[in-house]
Structures are given as C-alpha cells and as structure tokens.
PDB file of N, CA and C in Angstrom:
ATOM      1  N   UNK A   1      31.381 126.570 -36.564  1.00  0.00           N
ATOM      2  CA  UNK A   1      30.067 125.996 -36.630  1.00  0.00           C
ATOM      3  C   UNK A   1      30.037 124.801 -37.588  1.00  0.00           C
ATOM      4  N   UNK A   2      30.799 124.903 -38.704  1.00  0.00           N
ATOM      5  CA  UNK A   2      30.819 123.808 -39.664  1.00  0.00           C
ATOM      6  C   UNK A   2      31.425 122.534 -39.080  1.00  0.00           C
ATOM      7  N   UNK A   3      32.392 122.655 -38.206  1.00  0.00           N
ATOM      8  CA  UNK A   3      33.026 121.484 -37.611  1.00  0.00           C
ATOM      9  C   UNK A   3      32.052 120.725 -36.713  1.00  0.00           C
ATOM     10  N   UNK A   4      31.068 121.396 -36.164  1.00  0.00           N
ATOM     11  CA  UNK A   4      30.109 120.760 -35.266  1.00  0.00           C
ATOM     12  C   UNK A   4      29.090 119.908 -36.027  1.00  0.00           C
ATOM     13  N   UNK A   5      28.787 120.268 -37.258  1.00  0.00           N
ATOM     14  CA  UNK A   5      27.792 119.510 -38.015  1.00  0.00           C
ATOM     15  C   UNK A   5      28.250 118.071 -38.219  1.00  0.00           C
ATOM     16  N   UNK A   6      29.465 117.811 -38.675  1.00  0.00           N
ATOM     17  CA  UNK A   6      29.889 116.423 -38.796  1.00  0.00           C
ATOM     18  C   UNK A   6      29.859 115.684 -37.452  1.00  0.00           C
ATOM     19  N   UNK A   7      30.191 116.352 -36.365  1.00  0.00           N
ATOM     20  CA  UNK A   7      30.146 115.699 -35.055  1.00  0.00           C
ATOM     21  C   UNK A   7      28.720 115.301 -34.705  1.00  0.00           C
ATOM     22  N   UNK A   8      27.754 116.148 -34.993  1.00  0.00           N
ATOM     23  CA  UNK A   8      26.347 115.839 -34.729  1.00  0.00           C
ATOM     24  C   UNK A   8      25.893 114.670 -35.598  1.00  0.00           C
ATOM     25  N   UNK A   9      26.312 114.682 -36.855  1.00  0.00           N
ATOM     26  CA  UNK A   9      25.958 113.591 -37.758  1.00  0.00           C
ATOM     27  C   UNK A   9      26.565 112.281 -37.261  1.00  0.00           C
ATOM     28  N   UNK A  10      27.809 112.307 -36.849  1.00  0.00           N
ATOM     29  CA  UNK A  10      28.453 111.104 -36.321  1.00  0.00           C
ATOM     30  C   UNK A  10      27.750 110.601 -35.069  1.00  0.00           C
ATOM     31  N   UNK A  11      27.347 111.501 -34.206  1.00  0.00           N
ATOM     32  CA  UNK A  11      26.622 111.110 -33.001  1.00  0.00           C
ATOM     33  C   UNK A  11      25.296 110.455 -33.360  1.00  0.00           C
ATOM     34  N   UNK A  12      24.582 111.020 -34.316  1.00  0.00           N
ATOM     35  CA  UNK A  12      23.304 110.446 -34.747  1.00  0.00           C
ATOM     36  C   UNK A  12      23.503 109.052 -35.333  1.00  0.00           C
ATOM     37  N   UNK A  13      24.524 108.889 -36.154  1.00  0.00           N
ATOM     38  CA  UNK A  13      24.826 107.579 -36.740  1.00  0.00           C
ATOM     39  C   UNK A  13      25.184 106.578 -35.646  1.00  0.00           C
ATOM     40  N   UNK A  14      25.965 106.992 -34.673  1.00  0.00           N
ATOM     41  CA  UNK A  14      26.343 106.105 -33.572  1.00  0.00           C
ATOM     42  C   UNK A  14      25.115 105.675 -32.775  1.00  0.00           C
ATOM     43  N   UNK A  15      24.207 106.597 -32.515  1.00  0.00           N
ATOM     44  CA  UNK A  15      22.994 106.253 -31.772  1.00  0.00           C
ATOM     45  C   UNK A  15      22.112 105.290 -32.554  1.00  0.00           C
ATOM     46  N   UNK A  16      21.952 105.523 -33.839  1.00  0.00           N
ATOM     47  CA  UNK A  16      21.156 104.619 -34.664  1.00  0.00           C
ATOM     48  C   UNK A  16      21.776 103.229 -34.725  1.00  0.00           C
ATOM     49  N   UNK A  17      23.082 103.160 -34.811  1.00  0.00           N
ATOM     50  CA  UNK A  17      23.772 101.875 -34.811  1.00  0.00           C
ATOM     51  C   UNK A  17      23.554 101.150 -33.492  1.00  0.00           C
ATOM     52  N   UNK A  18      23.654 101.855 -32.384  1.00  0.00           N
ATOM     53  CA  UNK A  18      23.435 101.240 -31.069  1.00  0.00           C
ATOM     54  C   UNK A  18      22.020 100.705 -30.946  1.00  0.00           C
ATOM     55  N   UNK A  19      21.040 101.446 -31.424  1.00  0.00           N
ATOM     56  CA  UNK A  19      19.649 100.990 -31.377  1.00  0.00           C
ATOM     57  C   UNK A  19      19.472  99.747 -32.240  1.00  0.00           C
ATOM     58  N   UNK A  20      20.052  99.741 -33.421  1.00  0.00           N
ATOM     59  CA  UNK A  20      19.940  98.587 -34.308  1.00  0.00           C
ATOM     60  C   UNK A  20      20.582  97.355 -33.695  1.00  0.00           C
ATOM     61  N   UNK A  21      21.738  97.508 -33.088  1.00  0.00           N
ATOM     62  CA  UNK A  21      22.411  96.374 -32.459  1.00  0.00           C
ATOM     63  C   UNK A  21      21.643  95.871 -31.251  1.00  0.00           C
ATOM     64  N   UNK A  22      21.045  96.749 -30.481  1.00  0.00           N
ATOM     65  CA  UNK A  22      20.283  96.301 -29.318  1.00  0.00           C
ATOM     66  C   UNK A  22      19.052  95.536 -29.759  1.00  0.00           C
ATOM     67  N   UNK A  23      18.497  95.846 -30.909  1.00  0.00           N
ATOM     68  CA  UNK A  23      17.349  95.103 -31.416  1.00  0.00           C
ATOM     69  C   UNK A  23      17.736  93.668 -31.743  1.00  0.00           C
ATOM     70  N   UNK A  24      18.972  93.431 -32.100  1.00  0.00           N
ATOM     71  CA  UNK A  24      19.431  92.086 -32.416  1.00  0.00           C
ATOM     72  C   UNK A  24      19.513  91.205 -31.176  1.00  0.00           C
ATOM     73  N   UNK A  25      19.663  91.775 -30.016  1.00  0.00           N
ATOM     74  CA  UNK A  25      19.796  90.983 -28.803  1.00  0.00           C
ATOM     75  C   UNK A  25      18.547  91.045 -27.933  1.00  0.00           C
ATOM     76  N   UNK A  26      17.481  91.623 -28.436  1.00  0.00           N
ATOM     77  CA  UNK A  26      16.253  91.739 -27.655  1.00  0.00           C
ATOM     78  C   UNK A  26      15.637  90.362 -27.433  1.00  0.00           C
ATOM     79  N   UNK A  27      14.930  90.239 -26.336  1.00  0.00           N
ATOM     80  CA  UNK A  27      14.224  89.000 -26.045  1.00  0.00           C
ATOM     81  C   UNK A  27      12.737  89.300 -25.949  1.00  0.00           C
ATOM     82  N   UNK A  28      11.935  88.281 -26.202  1.00  0.00           N
ATOM     83  CA  UNK A  28      10.498  88.403 -26.029  1.00  0.00           C
ATOM     84  C   UNK A  28       9.959  87.041 -25.626  1.00  0.00           C
ATOM     85  N   UNK A  29       8.751  87.061 -25.058  1.00  0.00           N
ATOM     86  CA  UNK A  29       8.143  85.783 -24.687  1.00  0.00           C
ATOM     87  C   UNK A  29       6.643  85.953 -24.539  1.00  0.00           C
ATOM     88  N   UNK A  30       5.956  84.845 -24.683  1.00  0.00           N
ATOM     89  CA  UNK A  30       4.535  84.784 -24.386  1.00  0.00           C
ATOM     90  C   UNK A  30       4.272  83.398 -23.821  1.00  0.00           C
ATOM     91  N   UNK A  31       3.284  83.312 -22.962  1.00  0.00           N
ATOM     92  CA  UNK A  31       2.950  82.015 -22.387  1.00  0.00           C
ATOM     93  C   UNK A  31       1.479  81.982 -22.022  1.00  0.00           C
ATOM     94  N   UNK A  32       0.951  80.776 -22.004  1.00  0.00           N
ATOM     95  CA  UNK A  32      -0.406  80.568 -21.519  1.00  0.00           C
ATOM     96  C   UNK A  32      -0.439  79.233 -20.801  1.00  0.00           C
ATOM     97  N   UNK A  33      -1.150  79.198 -19.688  1.00  0.00           N
ATOM     98  CA  UNK A  33      -1.255  77.983 -18.888  1.00  0.00           C
ATOM     99  C   UNK A  33      -2.727  77.622 -18.724  1.00  0.00           C
ATOM    100  N   UNK A  34      -3.063  76.378 -19.056  1.00  0.00           N
ATOM    101  CA  UNK A  34      -4.423  75.879 -18.931  1.00  0.00           C
ATOM    102  C   UNK A  34      -4.359  74.493 -18.308  1.00  0.00           C
ATOM    103  N   UNK A  35      -5.110  74.294 -17.228  1.00  0.00           N
ATOM    104  CA  UNK A  35      -5.180  72.990 -16.558  1.00  0.00           C
ATOM    105  C   UNK A  35      -3.803  72.435 -16.213  1.00  0.00           C
ATOM    106  N   UNK A  36      -2.906  73.286 -15.751  1.00  0.00           N
ATOM    107  CA  UNK A  36      -1.597  72.845 -15.292  1.00  0.00           C
ATOM    108  C   UNK A  36      -0.566  72.615 -16.371  1.00  0.00           C
ATOM    109  N   UNK A  37      -0.893  72.964 -17.606  1.00  0.00           N
ATOM    110  CA  UNK A  37       0.039  72.799 -18.719  1.00  0.00           C
ATOM    111  C   UNK A  37       0.292  74.173 -19.335  1.00  0.00           C
ATOM    112  N   UNK A  38       1.565  74.526 -19.469  1.00  0.00           N
ATOM    113  CA  UNK A  38       1.931  75.832 -20.023  1.00  0.00           C
ATOM    114  C   UNK A  38       2.583  75.666 -21.386  1.00  0.00           C
ATOM    115  N   UNK A  39       2.202  76.535 -22.290  1.00  0.00           N
ATOM    116  CA  UNK A  39       2.844  76.649 -23.588  1.00  0.00           C
ATOM    117  C   UNK A  39       3.613  77.960 -23.574  1.00  0.00           C
ATOM    118  N   UNK A  40       4.915  77.873 -23.838  1.00  0.00           N
ATOM    119  CA  UNK A  40       5.778  79.048 -23.773  1.00  0.00           C
ATOM    120  C   UNK A  40       6.454  79.230 -25.127  1.00  0.00           C
ATOM    121  N   UNK A  41       6.360  80.432 -25.664  1.00  0.00           N
ATOM    122  CA  UNK A  41       7.086  80.808 -26.878  1.00  0.00           C
ATOM    123  C   UNK A  41       8.021  81.937 -26.495  1.00  0.00           C
ATOM    124  N   UNK A  42       9.286  81.800 -26.856  1.00  0.00           N
ATOM    125  CA  UNK A  42      10.233  82.853 -26.507  1.00  0.00           C
ATOM    126  C   UNK A  42      11.252  83.036 -27.604  1.00  0.00           C
ATOM    127  N   UNK A  43      11.864  84.205 -27.574  1.00  0.00           N
ATOM    128  CA  UNK A  43      12.901  84.538 -28.532  1.00  0.00           C
ATOM    129  C   UNK A  43      14.119  85.019 -27.761  1.00  0.00           C
ATOM    130  N   UNK A  44      15.213  84.301 -27.890  1.00  0.00           N
ATOM    131  CA  UNK A  44      16.441  84.680 -27.199  1.00  0.00           C
ATOM    132  C   UNK A  44      16.583  84.012 -25.846  1.00  0.00           C
ATOM    133  N   UNK A  45      17.816  83.943 -25.397  1.00  0.00           N
ATOM    134  CA  UNK A  45      18.131  83.322 -24.111  1.00  0.00           C
ATOM    135  C   UNK A  45      17.585  84.185 -22.986  1.00  0.00           C
ATOM    136  N   UNK A  46      16.905  83.553 -22.028  1.00  0.00           N
ATOM    137  CA  UNK A  46      16.299  84.294 -20.934  1.00  0.00           C
ATOM    138  C   UNK A  46      15.816  83.369 -19.828  1.00  0.00           C
ATOM    139  N   UNK A  47      15.378  83.981 -18.736  1.00  0.00           N
ATOM    140  CA  UNK A  47      14.753  83.265 -17.636  1.00  0.00           C
ATOM    141  C   UNK A  47      13.268  83.582 -17.656  1.00  0.00           C
ATOM    142  N   UNK A  48      12.454  82.532 -17.598  1.00  0.00           N
ATOM    143  CA  UNK A  48      11.002  82.657 -17.668  1.00  0.00           C
ATOM    144  C   UNK A  48      10.416  82.199 -16.342  1.00  0.00           C
ATOM    145  N   UNK A  49       9.512  82.988 -15.777  1.00  0.00           N
ATOM    146  CA  UNK A  49       8.822  82.575 -14.556  1.00  0.00           C
ATOM    147  C   UNK A  49       7.616  81.729 -14.954  1.00  0.00           C
ATOM    148  N   UNK A  50       7.604  80.484 -14.460  1.00  0.00           N
ATOM    149  CA  UNK A  50       6.507  79.565 -14.735  1.00  0.00           C
ATOM    150  C   UNK A  50       5.612  79.524 -13.505  1.00  0.00           C
ATOM    151  N   UNK A  51       4.330  79.804 -13.676  1.00  0.00           N
ATOM    152  CA  UNK A  51       3.357  79.749 -12.587  1.00  0.00           C
ATOM    153  C   UNK A  51       2.263  78.767 -12.962  1.00  0.00           C
ATOM    154  N   UNK A  52       2.175  77.682 -12.183  1.00  0.00           N
ATOM    155  CA  UNK A  52       1.121  76.688 -12.363  1.00  0.00           C
ATOM    156  C   UNK A  52       0.371  76.637 -11.039  1.00  0.00           C
ATOM    157  N   UNK A  53      -0.745  77.337 -10.967  1.00  0.00           N
ATOM    158  CA  UNK A  53      -1.447  77.498  -9.696  1.00  0.00           C
ATOM    159  C   UNK A  53      -0.549  78.265  -8.740  1.00  0.00           C
ATOM    160  N   UNK A  54      -0.348  77.710  -7.540  1.00  0.00           N
ATOM    161  CA  UNK A  54       0.537  78.362  -6.562  1.00  0.00           C
ATOM    162  C   UNK A  54       1.988  77.905  -6.715  1.00  0.00           C
ATOM    163  N   UNK A  55       2.251  77.012  -7.645  1.00  0.00           N
ATOM    164  CA  UNK A  55       3.589  76.473  -7.904  1.00  0.00           C
ATOM    165  C   UNK A  55       4.325  77.423  -8.846  1.00  0.00           C
ATOM    166  N   UNK A  56       5.487  77.914  -8.411  1.00  0.00           N
ATOM    167  CA  UNK A  56       6.274  78.844  -9.226  1.00  0.00           C
ATOM    168  C   UNK A  56       7.713  78.359  -9.363  1.00  0.00           C
ATOM    169  N   UNK A  57       8.250  78.510 -10.553  1.00  0.00           N
ATOM    170  CA  UNK A  57       9.653  78.192 -10.809  1.00  0.00           C
ATOM    171  C   UNK A  57      10.190  79.171 -11.838  1.00  0.00           C
ATOM    172  N   UNK A  58      11.473  79.509 -11.689  1.00  0.00           N
ATOM    173  CA  UNK A  58      12.188  80.247 -12.724  1.00  0.00           C
ATOM    174  C   UNK A  58      12.863  79.219 -13.617  1.00  0.00           C
ATOM    175  N   UNK A  59      12.564  79.266 -14.895  1.00  0.00           N
ATOM    176  CA  UNK A  59      13.128  78.350 -15.875  1.00  0.00           C
ATOM    177  C   UNK A  59      14.092  79.132 -16.757  1.00  0.00           C
ATOM    178  N   UNK A  60      15.362  78.755 -16.720  1.00  0.00           N
ATOM    179  CA  UNK A  60      16.395  79.400 -17.539  1.00  0.00           C
ATOM    180  C   UNK A  60      16.479  78.670 -18.867  1.00  0.00           C
ATOM    181  N   UNK A  61      16.428  79.421 -19.950  1.00  0.00           N
ATOM    182  CA  UNK A  61      16.518  78.864 -21.295  1.00  0.00           C
ATOM    183  C   UNK A  61      17.764  79.459 -21.944  1.00  0.00           C
ATOM    184  N   UNK A  62      18.855  78.704 -21.911  1.00  0.00           N
ATOM    185  CA  UNK A  62      20.139  79.160 -22.459  1.00  0.00           C
ATOM    186  C   UNK A  62      21.184  78.075 -22.228  1.00  0.00           C
ATOM    187  N   UNK A  63      22.082  77.872 -23.124  1.00  0.00           N
ATOM    188  CA  UNK A  63      22.216  78.500 -24.435  1.00  0.00           C
ATOM    189  C   UNK A  63      21.296  77.845 -25.467  1.00  0.00           C
ATOM    190  N   UNK A  64      21.088  78.573 -26.558  1.00  0.00           N
ATOM    191  CA  UNK A  64      20.304  78.091 -27.690  1.00  0.00           C
ATOM    192  C   UNK A  64      21.269  77.842 -28.846  1.00  0.00           C
ATOM    193  N   UNK A  65      21.220  76.636 -29.413  1.00  0.00           N
ATOM    194  CA  UNK A  65      21.992  76.326 -30.619  1.00  0.00           C
ATOM    195  C   UNK A  65      20.996  75.966 -31.722  1.00  0.00           C
ATOM    196  N   UNK A  66      21.443  75.825 -32.955  1.00  0.00           N
ATOM    197  CA  UNK A  66      20.501  75.449 -34.018  1.00  0.00           C
ATOM    198  C   UNK A  66      19.831  74.090 -33.790  1.00  0.00           C
ATOM    199  N   UNK A  67      20.488  73.198 -33.044  1.00  0.00           N
ATOM    200  CA  UNK A  67      19.955  71.854 -32.846  1.00  0.00           C
ATOM    201  C   UNK A  67      19.333  71.612 -31.482  1.00  0.00           C
ATOM    202  N   UNK A  68      19.704  72.402 -30.461  1.00  0.00           N
ATOM    203  CA  UNK A  68      19.249  72.106 -29.103  1.00  0.00           C
ATOM    204  C   UNK A  68      19.176  73.368 -28.253  1.00  0.00           C
ATOM    205  N   UNK A  69      18.551  73.201 -27.093  1.00  0.00           N
ATOM    206  CA  UNK A  69      18.462  74.286 -26.120  1.00  0.00           C
ATOM    207  C   UNK A  69      18.663  73.670 -24.736  1.00  0.00           C
ATOM    208  N   UNK A  70      19.336  74.405 -23.872  1.00  0.00           N
ATOM    209  CA  UNK A  70      19.513  73.960 -22.495  1.00  0.00           C
ATOM    210  C   UNK A  70      18.492  74.676 -21.628  1.00  0.00           C
ATOM    211  N   UNK A  71      17.760  73.883 -20.841  1.00  0.00           N
ATOM    212  CA  UNK A  71      16.796  74.431 -19.886  1.00  0.00           C
ATOM    213  C   UNK A  71      17.267  74.051 -18.493  1.00  0.00           C
ATOM    214  N   UNK A  72      17.089  74.954 -17.536  1.00  0.00           N
ATOM    215  CA  UNK A  72      17.520  74.656 -16.168  1.00  0.00           C
ATOM    216  C   UNK A  72      16.601  75.337 -15.165  1.00  0.00           C
ATOM    217  N   UNK A  73      16.462  74.658 -14.017  1.00  0.00           N
ATOM    218  CA  UNK A  73      15.668  75.181 -12.904  1.00  0.00           C
ATOM    219  C   UNK A  73      16.144  74.510 -11.631  1.00  0.00           C
ATOM    220  N   UNK A  74      16.345  75.314 -10.598  1.00  0.00           N
ATOM    221  CA  UNK A  74      16.727  74.817  -9.273  1.00  0.00           C
ATOM    222  C   UNK A  74      17.924  73.866  -9.301  1.00  0.00           C
ATOM    223  N   UNK A  75      18.918  74.176 -10.102  1.00  0.00           N
ATOM    224  CA  UNK A  75      20.144  73.386 -10.127  1.00  0.00           C
ATOM    225  C   UNK A  75      20.130  72.206 -11.077  1.00  0.00           C
ATOM    226  N   UNK A  76      18.979  71.865 -11.636  1.00  0.00           N
ATOM    227  CA  UNK A  76      18.893  70.792 -12.631  1.00  0.00           C
ATOM    228  C   UNK A  76      18.959  71.412 -14.017  1.00  0.00           C
ATOM    229  N   UNK A  77      19.574  70.701 -14.953  1.00  0.00           N
ATOM    230  CA  UNK A  77      19.580  71.202 -16.328  1.00  0.00           C
ATOM    231  C   UNK A  77      19.544  70.036 -17.300  1.00  0.00           C
ATOM    232  N   UNK A  78      19.078  70.331 -18.503  1.00  0.00           N
ATOM    233  CA  UNK A  78      19.024  69.323 -19.558  1.00  0.00           C
ATOM    234  C   UNK A  78      19.198  70.023 -20.894  1.00  0.00           C
ATOM    235  N   UNK A  79      19.930  69.380 -21.788  1.00  0.00           N
ATOM    236  CA  UNK A  79      20.113  69.864 -23.151  1.00  0.00           C
ATOM    237  C   UNK A  79      19.152  69.063 -24.023  1.00  0.00           C
ATOM    238  N   UNK A  80      18.175  69.743 -24.629  1.00  0.00           N
ATOM    239  CA  UNK A  80      17.101  69.057 -25.340  1.00  0.00           C
ATOM    240  C   UNK A  80      17.026  69.473 -26.801  1.00  0.00           C
ATOM    241  N   UNK A  81      16.664  68.516 -27.648  1.00  0.00           N
ATOM    242  CA  UNK A  81      16.372  68.780 -29.052  1.00  0.00           C
ATOM    243  C   UNK A  81      14.850  68.758 -29.220  1.00  0.00           C
ATOM    244  N   UNK A  82      14.328  69.267 -30.325  1.00  0.00           N
ATOM    245  CA  UNK A  82      12.877  69.249 -30.511  1.00  0.00           C
ATOM    246  C   UNK A  82      12.297  67.842 -30.369  1.00  0.00           C
ATOM    247  N   UNK A  83      11.218  67.755 -29.588  1.00  0.00           N
ATOM    248  CA  UNK A  83      10.568  66.479 -29.319  1.00  0.00           C
ATOM    249  C   UNK A  83      11.022  65.828 -28.031  1.00  0.00           C
ATOM    250  N   UNK A  84      12.176  66.218 -27.515  1.00  0.00           N
ATOM    251  CA  UNK A  84      12.676  65.640 -26.270  1.00  0.00           C
ATOM    252  C   UNK A  84      12.108  66.376 -25.065  1.00  0.00           C
ATOM    253  N   UNK A  85      12.029  65.638 -23.933  1.00  0.00           N
ATOM    254  CA  UNK A  85      11.589  66.251 -22.685  1.00  0.00           C
ATOM    255  C   UNK A  85      12.462  65.755 -21.549  1.00  0.00           C
ATOM    256  N   UNK A  86      12.448  66.515 -20.455  1.00  0.00           N
ATOM    257  CA  UNK A  86      13.223  66.149 -19.268  1.00  0.00           C
ATOM    258  C   UNK A  86      12.599  66.821 -18.057  1.00  0.00           C
ATOM    259  N   UNK A  87      12.870  66.241 -16.888  1.00  0.00           N
ATOM    260  CA  UNK A  87      12.439  66.846 -15.638  1.00  0.00           C
ATOM    261  C   UNK A  87      13.573  67.712 -15.107  1.00  0.00           C
ATOM    262  N   UNK A  88      13.278  68.976 -14.866  1.00  0.00           N
ATOM    263  CA  UNK A  88      14.251  69.908 -14.298  1.00  0.00           C
ATOM    264  C   UNK A  88      13.565  70.733 -13.216  1.00  0.00           C
ATOM    265  N   UNK A  89      14.089  70.664 -12.011  1.00  0.00           N
ATOM    266  CA  UNK A  89      13.598  71.504 -10.924  1.00  0.00           C
ATOM    267  C   UNK A  89      12.120  71.379 -10.628  1.00  0.00           C
ATOM    268  N   UNK A  90      11.570  70.179 -10.757  1.00  0.00           N
ATOM    269  CA  UNK A  90      10.154  69.979 -10.481  1.00  0.00           C
ATOM    270  C   UNK A  90       9.235  70.269 -11.653  1.00  0.00           C
ATOM    271  N   UNK A  91       9.813  70.536 -12.815  1.00  0.00           N
ATOM    272  CA  UNK A  91       9.043  70.775 -14.035  1.00  0.00           C
ATOM    273  C   UNK A  91       9.383  69.713 -15.072  1.00  0.00           C
ATOM    274  N   UNK A  92       8.410  69.326 -15.857  1.00  0.00           N
ATOM    275  CA  UNK A  92       8.677  68.514 -17.040  1.00  0.00           C
ATOM    276  C   UNK A  92       8.621  69.471 -18.222  1.00  0.00           C
ATOM    277  N   UNK A  93       9.743  69.573 -18.926  1.00  0.00           N
ATOM    278  CA  UNK A  93       9.872  70.521 -20.037  1.00  0.00           C
ATOM    279  C   UNK A  93      10.086  69.739 -21.325  1.00  0.00           C
ATOM    280  N   UNK A  94       9.268  70.041 -22.330  1.00  0.00           N
ATOM    281  CA  UNK A  94       9.437  69.452 -23.658  1.00  0.00           C
ATOM    282  C   UNK A  94       9.710  70.583 -24.644  1.00  0.00           C
ATOM    283  N   UNK A  95      10.685  70.377 -25.498  1.00  0.00           N
ATOM    284  CA  UNK A  95      10.970  71.353 -26.554  1.00  0.00           C
ATOM    285  C   UNK A  95      10.112  70.991 -27.760  1.00  0.00           C
ATOM    286  N   UNK A  96       9.231  71.903 -28.128  1.00  0.00           N
ATOM    287  CA  UNK A  96       8.383  71.690 -29.298  1.00  0.00           C
ATOM    288  C   UNK A  96       9.071  72.143 -30.576  1.00  0.00           C
ATOM    289  N   UNK A  97       9.821  73.253 -30.501  1.00  0.00           N
ATOM    290  CA  UNK A  97      10.450  73.760 -31.721  1.00  0.00           C
ATOM    291  C   UNK A  97      11.649  74.644 -31.403  1.00  0.00           C
ATOM    292  N   UNK A  98      12.584  74.650 -32.343  1.00  0.00           N
ATOM    293  CA  UNK A  98      13.724  75.571 -32.334  1.00  0.00           C
ATOM    294  C   UNK A  98      13.835  76.123 -33.751  1.00  0.00           C
ATOM    295  N   UNK A  99      13.758  77.441 -33.861  1.00  0.00           N
ATOM    296  CA  UNK A  99      13.905  78.096 -35.165  1.00  0.00           C
ATOM    297  C   UNK A  99      14.766  79.335 -34.954  1.00  0.00           C
ATOM    298  N   UNK A 100      16.070  79.169 -35.130  1.00  0.00           N
ATOM    299  CA  UNK A 100      16.982  80.278 -34.850  1.00  0.00           C
ATOM    300  C   UNK A 100      16.991  80.567 -33.360  1.00  0.00           C
ATOM    301  N   UNK A 101      16.580  81.791 -32.982  1.00  0.00           N
ATOM    302  CA  UNK A 101      16.517  82.172 -31.570  1.00  0.00           C
ATOM    303  C   UNK A 101      15.131  81.935 -30.971  1.00  0.00           C
ATOM    304  N   UNK A 102      14.166  81.464 -31.791  1.00  0.00           N
ATOM    305  CA  UNK A 102      12.793  81.263 -31.339  1.00  0.00           C
ATOM    306  C   UNK A 102      12.599  79.838 -30.837  1.00  0.00           C
ATOM    307  N   UNK A 103      12.056  79.729 -29.631  1.00  0.00           N
ATOM    308  CA  UNK A 103      11.891  78.435 -28.973  1.00  0.00           C
ATOM    309  C   UNK A 103      10.430  78.251 -28.589  1.00  0.00           C
ATOM    310  N   UNK A 104       9.906  77.040 -28.784  1.00  0.00           N
ATOM    311  CA  UNK A 104       8.574  76.674 -28.315  1.00  0.00           C
ATOM    312  C   UNK A 104       8.706  75.583 -27.270  1.00  0.00           C
ATOM    313  N   UNK A 105       8.106  75.791 -26.095  1.00  0.00           N
ATOM    314  CA  UNK A 105       8.197  74.834 -24.993  1.00  0.00           C
ATOM    315  C   UNK A 105       6.812  74.436 -24.501  1.00  0.00           C
ATOM    316  N   UNK A 106       6.733  73.234 -23.972  1.00  0.00           N
ATOM    317  CA  UNK A 106       5.555  72.702 -23.293  1.00  0.00           C
ATOM    318  C   UNK A 106       6.041  72.403 -21.880  1.00  0.00           C
ATOM    319  N   UNK A 107       5.428  73.010 -20.868  1.00  0.00           N
ATOM    320  CA  UNK A 107       5.920  72.885 -19.493  1.00  0.00           C
ATOM    321  C   UNK A 107       4.768  72.494 -18.576  1.00  0.00           C
ATOM    322  N   UNK A 108       5.021  71.519 -17.705  1.00  0.00           N
ATOM    323  CA  UNK A 108       4.049  71.142 -16.685  1.00  0.00           C
ATOM    324  C   UNK A 108       4.775  70.710 -15.420  1.00  0.00           C
ATOM    325  N   UNK A 109       4.035  70.638 -14.341  1.00  0.00           N
ATOM    326  CA  UNK A 109       4.615  70.236 -13.058  1.00  0.00           C
ATOM    327  C   UNK A 109       4.928  68.744 -13.094  1.00  0.00           C
ATOM    328  N   UNK A 110       6.056  68.371 -12.532  1.00  0.00           N
ATOM    329  CA  UNK A 110       6.480  66.960 -12.522  1.00  0.00           C
ATOM    330  C   UNK A 110       5.630  66.154 -11.555  1.00  0.00           C
TER     331      UNK A 110
END
C-alpha cells in the first residue's frame, strides 16, 4: 500500500504540470464589428472568423514575433508591424499593437 502512495502523488504532480503547460499555449480572442469595421483582440496564434455583414473570411494570425505578426487569408499573406496595414484575401488588416502573444487588429473589407 505504501508503494502506491508515491505513484498517486507522482500522477497528481504530472497532471498539474500538464494543466500548467496547457495554460501557456491557450488562445483567446474577442472582437466587435460596427459599420463594417472590426476590432479584434487576440492572444496566441490562431485563425479568426471575420464576419462583416454577409461577408465572411477566416483570418490566420501566425506566426507572432516581438516585432511583427503574419496575417493571411485566402492564400494572401503579409508580415506587419504595429501601425502597418495590408490587403489580404479581400480584407484590409492593420496591426494596432503587439505585446508578447497579445495582438490588436483593425479589420475591414477591402
């Protein structure tokens, strides 16, 4: 019975470690669209569905570096620094901010 206690403790430690590591790679996002202009805030590399009226696009945001972020849609891509904008896949995307894994975007239809 005593040999099982350390195994249970090790299992608990392993599970807690896995949960902690998964929190490091979690992604989140929020967006709001008003009059055809969307403001998107996200954390971590991901694909965001942009809906402007009946117009829909999947916007991929990856990779993220300390200085720039690559955005892509429908085969177009651009590497942007804060303040820069580009047309990708029928969207005009401007990077408002980069802070670690947190990105602020301004998105509208081209």
